[in-house]
Structures are given as C-alpha cells and as structure tokens.
C-alpha cells in the first residue's frame, strides 16, 4: 500500500521517529490505528449500536425462554412486554 502524506504529516512522522517514541514507521502507524479504533469504538454512535444489539439479544432470549410466537407481534410490543415482566 502506498500512503501519501502532507508535508506537515511527514514532519510529524519524522519527528516522532527521531525522538525515539517509535522504532519504525510501521509501529507509528499501528499505534495510530489502534488509537483510532479505540476512539471509534468508544463513540456515542458505537455505544448506541451496542445498546441496540444488547436489546435484540435480550428480546430473543425472552422469546426463547417464554416460547413466545412472533407472528403478528411487533418488535416494539415485544420490547414493551419484556420490560413489563
């Protein structure tokens, strides 16, 4: 993969390597990507997705435990029923 950096970005990379914070460009990029992933996974949007996934898991668990038929039942009704119990 070829990556084109702006002069400012290249200066930052060179300064970080020169300072000894990183042993190689690959290490610097790897750490930068780790930081990016940590930021993205802790964002409010990602937290909302996690809460939605958990709600679906709870809903499916409720259906399975209570042998609830899903024909004609909306997701909203099912969630309401789950909170009621």
Foldseek 3Di string as FASTA:
>chain_A
DDDDDDPVVVVVLVVCCVVVVDVDPVRVVVVVVVVVVVVVCPDPVNVVVVVVVVLVVLLVVVCVVVVPDCVPPDPVNSSVVSVVD
